[in-house]
Structures are given as C-alpha cells and as structure tokens.
N, C-alpha and C. Protein backbone atom coordinates (compact mmCIF):
# COMPACT_ATOMS: atom_id res chain seq x y z
N MET A 1 26.42 -144.26 247.80
CA MET A 1 26.00 -143.89 246.47
C MET A 1 26.86 -143.87 245.12
N PRO A 2 26.18 -144.70 244.09
CA PRO A 2 27.39 -145.73 243.34
C PRO A 2 27.82 -144.17 242.86
N ASP A 3 28.94 -145.27 242.42
CA ASP A 3 30.12 -144.20 241.76
C ASP A 3 29.71 -144.20 239.80
N ILE A 4 29.16 -143.24 239.90
CA ILE A 4 28.78 -143.45 238.74
C ILE A 4 29.09 -142.18 237.92
N ASP A 5 31.04 -142.00 236.53
CA ASP A 5 30.88 -142.26 235.14
C ASP A 5 30.56 -141.54 235.13
N PRO A 6 30.56 -139.75 234.25
CA PRO A 6 29.23 -138.98 233.80
C PRO A 6 29.69 -139.31 232.27
N PHE A 7 31.46 -139.69 231.77
CA PHE A 7 31.33 -138.93 230.11
C PHE A 7 31.39 -141.54 230.30
N ASN A 8 30.84 -141.67 230.72
CA ASN A 8 30.24 -143.80 230.18
C ASN A 8 29.11 -143.17 230.52
N PHE A 9 28.45 -142.38 231.83
CA PHE A 9 27.26 -142.72 231.12
C PHE A 9 26.84 -141.95 230.15
N PHE A 10 26.87 -140.45 229.49
CA PHE A 10 26.61 -140.12 228.45
C PHE A 10 27.25 -141.29 226.86
N ARG A 11 28.50 -141.39 227.05
CA ARG A 11 27.84 -142.59 225.85
C ARG A 11 27.71 -142.93 225.98
N TRP A 12 27.19 -144.01 226.64
CA TRP A 12 26.11 -145.02 226.84
C TRP A 12 24.90 -144.59 226.27
N GLY A 13 24.38 -143.85 226.69
CA GLY A 13 23.21 -142.76 226.74
C GLY A 13 23.30 -142.25 225.06
N LEU A 14 24.56 -142.44 225.00
CA LEU A 14 24.58 -141.29 223.44
C LEU A 14 24.33 -142.83 222.44
N PHE A 15 25.24 -143.99 222.50
CA PHE A 15 24.91 -144.87 221.73
C PHE A 15 23.82 -145.89 221.91
N ILE A 16 22.37 -145.81 223.25
CA ILE A 16 21.62 -146.44 222.47
C ILE A 16 20.98 -145.41 222.45
N VAL A 17 20.46 -143.99 221.82
CA VAL A 17 19.68 -143.39 221.32
C VAL A 17 19.60 -142.88 219.83
N VAL A 18 21.05 -142.92 219.66
CA VAL A 18 22.11 -142.93 218.11
C VAL A 18 21.37 -144.23 217.11
N SER A 19 21.55 -145.05 217.96
CA SER A 19 21.87 -146.52 217.66
C SER A 19 20.16 -147.13 217.64
N VAL A 20 19.02 -146.76 218.19
CA VAL A 20 17.39 -146.44 217.28
C VAL A 20 17.04 -145.70 217.49
N TYR A 21 17.56 -144.48 216.54
CA TYR A 21 17.57 -143.26 215.52
C TYR A 21 17.27 -143.45 214.21
N CYS A 22 19.20 -144.20 214.47
CA CYS A 22 18.99 -144.23 213.01
C CYS A 22 18.86 -145.71 212.68
N THR A 23 17.81 -146.64 213.32
CA THR A 23 16.86 -148.15 213.05
C THR A 23 16.04 -147.39 211.99
N ILE A 24 15.53 -147.02 213.57
CA ILE A 24 14.05 -145.99 212.89
C ILE A 24 13.64 -146.01 211.15
N ILE A 25 15.08 -144.46 211.73
CA ILE A 25 14.73 -143.92 210.02
C ILE A 25 15.45 -144.29 208.98
N THR A 26 15.99 -145.22 209.39
CA THR A 26 16.90 -146.84 208.08
C THR A 26 15.97 -146.70 207.42
N LEU A 27 14.38 -148.02 208.34
CA LEU A 27 13.42 -148.83 208.82
C LEU A 27 12.29 -148.20 207.80
N GLN A 28 11.95 -146.56 208.20
CA GLN A 28 11.22 -145.28 207.24
C GLN A 28 11.45 -145.25 206.44
N GLN A 29 12.66 -145.20 205.51
CA GLN A 29 12.96 -144.49 204.52
C GLN A 29 13.10 -145.86 204.22
N GLY A 30 13.29 -146.74 204.23
CA GLY A 30 13.20 -148.11 203.28
C GLY A 30 11.64 -148.67 203.38
N TRP A 31 11.15 -148.69 203.81
CA TRP A 31 9.56 -148.26 203.86
C TRP A 31 8.65 -148.16 202.84
N SER A 32 9.36 -146.62 203.15
CA SER A 32 8.71 -145.81 202.35
C SER A 32 9.05 -145.56 200.01
N TRP A 33 10.19 -146.60 200.26
CA TRP A 33 11.10 -146.48 199.36
C TRP A 33 10.38 -148.46 198.70
N TYR A 34 9.95 -148.31 199.58
CA TYR A 34 9.36 -150.27 198.53
C TYR A 34 7.95 -150.14 198.50
N VAL A 35 7.22 -149.27 198.85
CA VAL A 35 6.13 -148.66 198.71
C VAL A 35 5.59 -148.08 197.46
N TRP A 36 6.41 -146.91 197.84
CA TRP A 36 7.00 -145.69 196.93
C TRP A 36 6.96 -146.83 194.73
N LEU A 37 8.52 -148.08 195.37
CA LEU A 37 8.38 -148.54 194.03
C LEU A 37 7.50 -149.37 193.98
N MET A 38 6.83 -149.70 194.71
CA MET A 38 4.93 -151.45 194.19
C MET A 38 4.42 -150.58 194.26
N THR A 39 4.24 -149.29 193.18
CA THR A 39 2.74 -148.82 193.04
C THR A 39 2.53 -149.03 191.18
N ASP A 40 1.43 -149.04 190.73
CA ASP A 40 1.39 -150.46 189.04
C ASP A 40 0.97 -148.46 187.77
N ASP A 41 2.31 -147.75 189.16
CA ASP A 41 1.89 -146.57 187.91
C ASP A 41 2.64 -146.79 187.00
N ARG A 42 2.76 -146.42 185.07
CA ARG A 42 3.69 -146.84 184.03
C ARG A 42 5.02 -146.66 184.26
N TYR A 43 4.96 -145.18 185.20
CA TYR A 43 6.78 -144.43 185.02
C TYR A 43 7.13 -145.14 185.90
N ILE A 44 5.66 -145.72 186.78
CA ILE A 44 7.37 -146.49 188.63
C ILE A 44 7.58 -147.41 187.82
N THR A 45 6.85 -148.15 187.09
CA THR A 45 6.78 -149.10 186.61
C THR A 45 8.91 -149.50 186.50
N ILE A 46 8.51 -148.74 184.85
CA ILE A 46 9.89 -148.11 183.63
C ILE A 46 10.90 -148.12 185.24
N LEU A 47 10.55 -147.21 185.79
CA LEU A 47 11.73 -146.37 187.12
C LEU A 47 11.82 -148.01 188.62
N ARG A 48 10.95 -148.31 188.75
CA ARG A 48 11.91 -149.95 188.69
C ARG A 48 12.06 -150.75 188.47
N GLN A 49 12.01 -151.15 187.06
CA GLN A 49 12.95 -151.63 186.12
C GLN A 49 14.49 -151.61 186.13
N TYR A 50 14.27 -149.91 185.61
CA TYR A 50 15.28 -148.93 185.79
C TYR A 50 16.38 -149.64 187.28
N VAL A 51 15.36 -149.28 188.64
CA VAL A 51 16.95 -149.34 189.80
C VAL A 51 17.21 -150.87 189.78
N ILE A 52 16.20 -152.01 189.48
CA ILE A 52 16.42 -153.24 189.51
C ILE A 52 17.61 -153.94 188.49
N VAL A 53 17.42 -153.50 186.98
CA VAL A 53 18.69 -153.48 186.43
C VAL A 53 19.81 -153.47 186.11
N HIS A 54 20.16 -152.15 186.87
CA HIS A 54 21.73 -151.31 187.37
C HIS A 54 21.58 -152.25 188.84
N GLY A 55 20.69 -151.99 189.80
CA GLY A 55 20.95 -153.20 190.63
C GLY A 55 21.79 -154.30 190.61
N LEU A 56 21.27 -155.19 189.28
CA LEU A 56 22.13 -156.33 188.95
C LEU A 56 23.96 -155.83 187.96
N ARG A 57 24.07 -154.81 188.01
CA ARG A 57 25.05 -154.73 187.15
C ARG A 57 26.25 -154.33 187.44
N LEU A 58 25.89 -153.89 188.88
CA LEU A 58 26.82 -153.91 190.28
C LEU A 58 27.58 -154.04 190.20
N ARG A 59 28.82 -153.26 190.23
CA ARG A 59 29.64 -155.08 190.02
C ARG A 59 31.00 -154.57 191.47
N PHE A 60 31.28 -155.28 192.05
CA PHE A 60 32.11 -155.20 193.55
C PHE A 60 33.67 -154.77 193.42
N LYS A 61 33.99 -154.37 191.74
CA LYS A 61 35.08 -153.18 192.69
C LYS A 61 35.01 -152.00 192.01
N THR A 62 33.85 -151.76 191.36
CA THR A 62 33.40 -150.65 191.66
C THR A 62 33.17 -149.18 192.74
N PHE A 63 33.08 -150.39 193.77
CA PHE A 63 32.96 -149.72 195.24
C PHE A 63 33.97 -150.35 196.25
N TRP A 64 35.49 -150.94 195.77
CA TRP A 64 35.83 -151.44 196.53
C TRP A 64 36.75 -150.32 197.14
N GLY A 65 36.81 -148.91 197.53
CA GLY A 65 37.38 -148.26 198.31
C GLY A 65 36.26 -147.93 199.08
N ASP A 66 34.95 -147.41 199.29
CA ASP A 66 34.08 -147.52 200.07
C ASP A 66 34.19 -148.91 201.58
N VAL A 67 34.71 -150.15 200.28
CA VAL A 67 33.94 -151.26 201.47
C VAL A 67 35.14 -150.88 201.64
N ILE A 68 36.15 -150.62 201.63
CA ILE A 68 37.71 -150.67 202.22
C ILE A 68 37.59 -150.00 203.55
N ILE A 69 37.30 -148.66 203.86
CA ILE A 69 36.36 -146.80 204.25
C ILE A 69 35.73 -147.59 204.93
N CYS A 70 34.95 -148.48 204.59
CA CYS A 70 33.50 -149.17 205.87
C CYS A 70 34.80 -150.46 207.10
N ALA A 71 35.13 -150.76 206.43
CA ALA A 71 36.33 -151.73 207.36
C ALA A 71 36.85 -151.26 208.49
N LEU A 72 37.51 -150.23 207.19
CA LEU A 72 38.30 -149.63 208.66
C LEU A 72 37.42 -148.72 209.49
N LEU A 73 36.48 -147.92 209.77
CA LEU A 73 35.86 -147.55 210.58
C LEU A 73 35.70 -148.80 210.94
N GLY A 74 34.65 -149.79 210.76
CA GLY A 74 34.62 -150.43 211.68
C GLY A 74 35.92 -151.52 212.47
N VAL A 75 36.68 -151.47 211.76
CA VAL A 75 38.47 -151.78 212.89
C VAL A 75 38.00 -150.50 213.69
N VAL A 76 37.99 -149.89 213.81
CA VAL A 76 38.32 -148.17 214.24
C VAL A 76 37.68 -148.72 215.55
N PHE A 77 36.19 -148.48 215.63
CA PHE A 77 35.11 -148.62 215.75
C PHE A 77 35.22 -149.65 217.17
N ILE A 78 36.11 -150.89 216.18
CA ILE A 78 36.74 -152.00 217.79
C ILE A 78 37.70 -151.49 218.60
N LEU A 79 38.25 -150.91 218.01
CA LEU A 79 39.30 -150.22 218.44
C LEU A 79 38.69 -149.68 219.86
N LEU A 80 38.71 -148.24 219.27
CA LEU A 80 37.88 -148.15 220.61
C LEU A 80 36.59 -147.96 221.26
N PHE A 81 35.91 -148.88 221.12
CA PHE A 81 35.40 -149.93 222.18
C PHE A 81 36.05 -150.98 223.38
N TRP A 82 36.78 -151.20 222.76
CA TRP A 82 38.67 -152.31 223.67
C TRP A 82 39.46 -151.68 224.10
N ALA A 83 39.69 -149.66 224.07
CA ALA A 83 39.95 -148.66 224.40
C ALA A 83 39.40 -147.98 225.61
N HIS A 84 38.32 -148.60 225.91
CA HIS A 84 37.69 -147.73 227.07
C HIS A 84 36.92 -148.80 227.81
N LYS A 85 36.95 -150.19 227.39
CA LYS A 85 37.26 -151.49 228.59
C LYS A 85 38.48 -151.16 228.81
N ILE A 86 39.71 -150.73 228.64
CA ILE A 86 40.56 -151.10 229.51
C ILE A 86 40.78 -150.02 229.49
N LEU A 87 40.49 -148.59 229.57
CA LEU A 87 40.47 -147.37 230.90
C LEU A 87 39.15 -147.81 231.47
N LEU A 88 38.06 -148.58 231.71
CA LEU A 88 37.39 -148.82 232.72
C LEU A 88 37.73 -150.07 233.33
N ASN A 89 38.52 -150.66 233.19
CA ASN A 89 39.59 -151.78 234.40
C ASN A 89 40.44 -151.09 234.79
N ILE A 90 41.30 -150.00 234.42
CA ILE A 90 41.75 -149.57 235.28
C ILE A 90 42.10 -148.94 236.10
N ASP A 91 40.49 -147.47 235.83
CA ASP A 91 39.52 -147.25 236.93
C ASP A 91 39.42 -148.29 238.00
N ARG A 92 38.89 -149.41 238.19
CA ARG A 92 38.79 -149.80 238.66
C ARG A 92 39.31 -150.51 239.59
N VAL A 93 41.25 -150.49 238.78
CA VAL A 93 42.05 -151.08 239.71
C VAL A 93 42.85 -150.49 240.09
N LEU A 94 42.23 -149.05 240.01
CA LEU A 94 43.65 -148.55 240.43
C LEU A 94 42.57 -147.78 241.82
N SER A 95 41.12 -147.96 241.83
CA SER A 95 40.28 -148.17 242.70
C SER A 95 39.91 -149.07 244.38
C-alpha cells in the first residue's frame, strides 16, 4: 500500500482545481469583454475609446502599493512552497 499523505493529496488537488478554474473564468471574462467592446454600436464605440484613453493615461506610481502587495504575496507563495518541500524531505528522511 503506498504511503499517501492526505494533506499533500488535498493540497495538490486543490491547487490543480483552483488553477484550472481561475484560468477558465479569466479567459471567459476577457473574451466576453472583448466581444462586447468590439460591437459597432455608437455608445459602445465611445466607451471603447474611453477605456483605451484611460488605459493609456495610467501611471505606474498610482499603482505602486498594489505592485508591492502583489510582489510580497508572490514571495509568500514561494516561501510556502519551499517550506512544504522541506517538510516532505523531513518526512522522507525520518521514515
């Protein structure tokens, strides 16, 4: 009988399910926005130009706090992944 840790099985299963779900939802929403903004209606054309102009006017300084938070969350994710690898190796060494 293989030695399967339920926590690791749940963690990797959850990782796969959530990653696939987030990717699919993001692509669906992006595609729906693209299709909606590419219609030839007069008001949608004005909205599309408005979105493009404001997208071009964005400044990096405005979102500096969000960029720092995203970077810190990325570091935390890497540290947690590294800690799980260490725990797996400790379990293998002890057994």
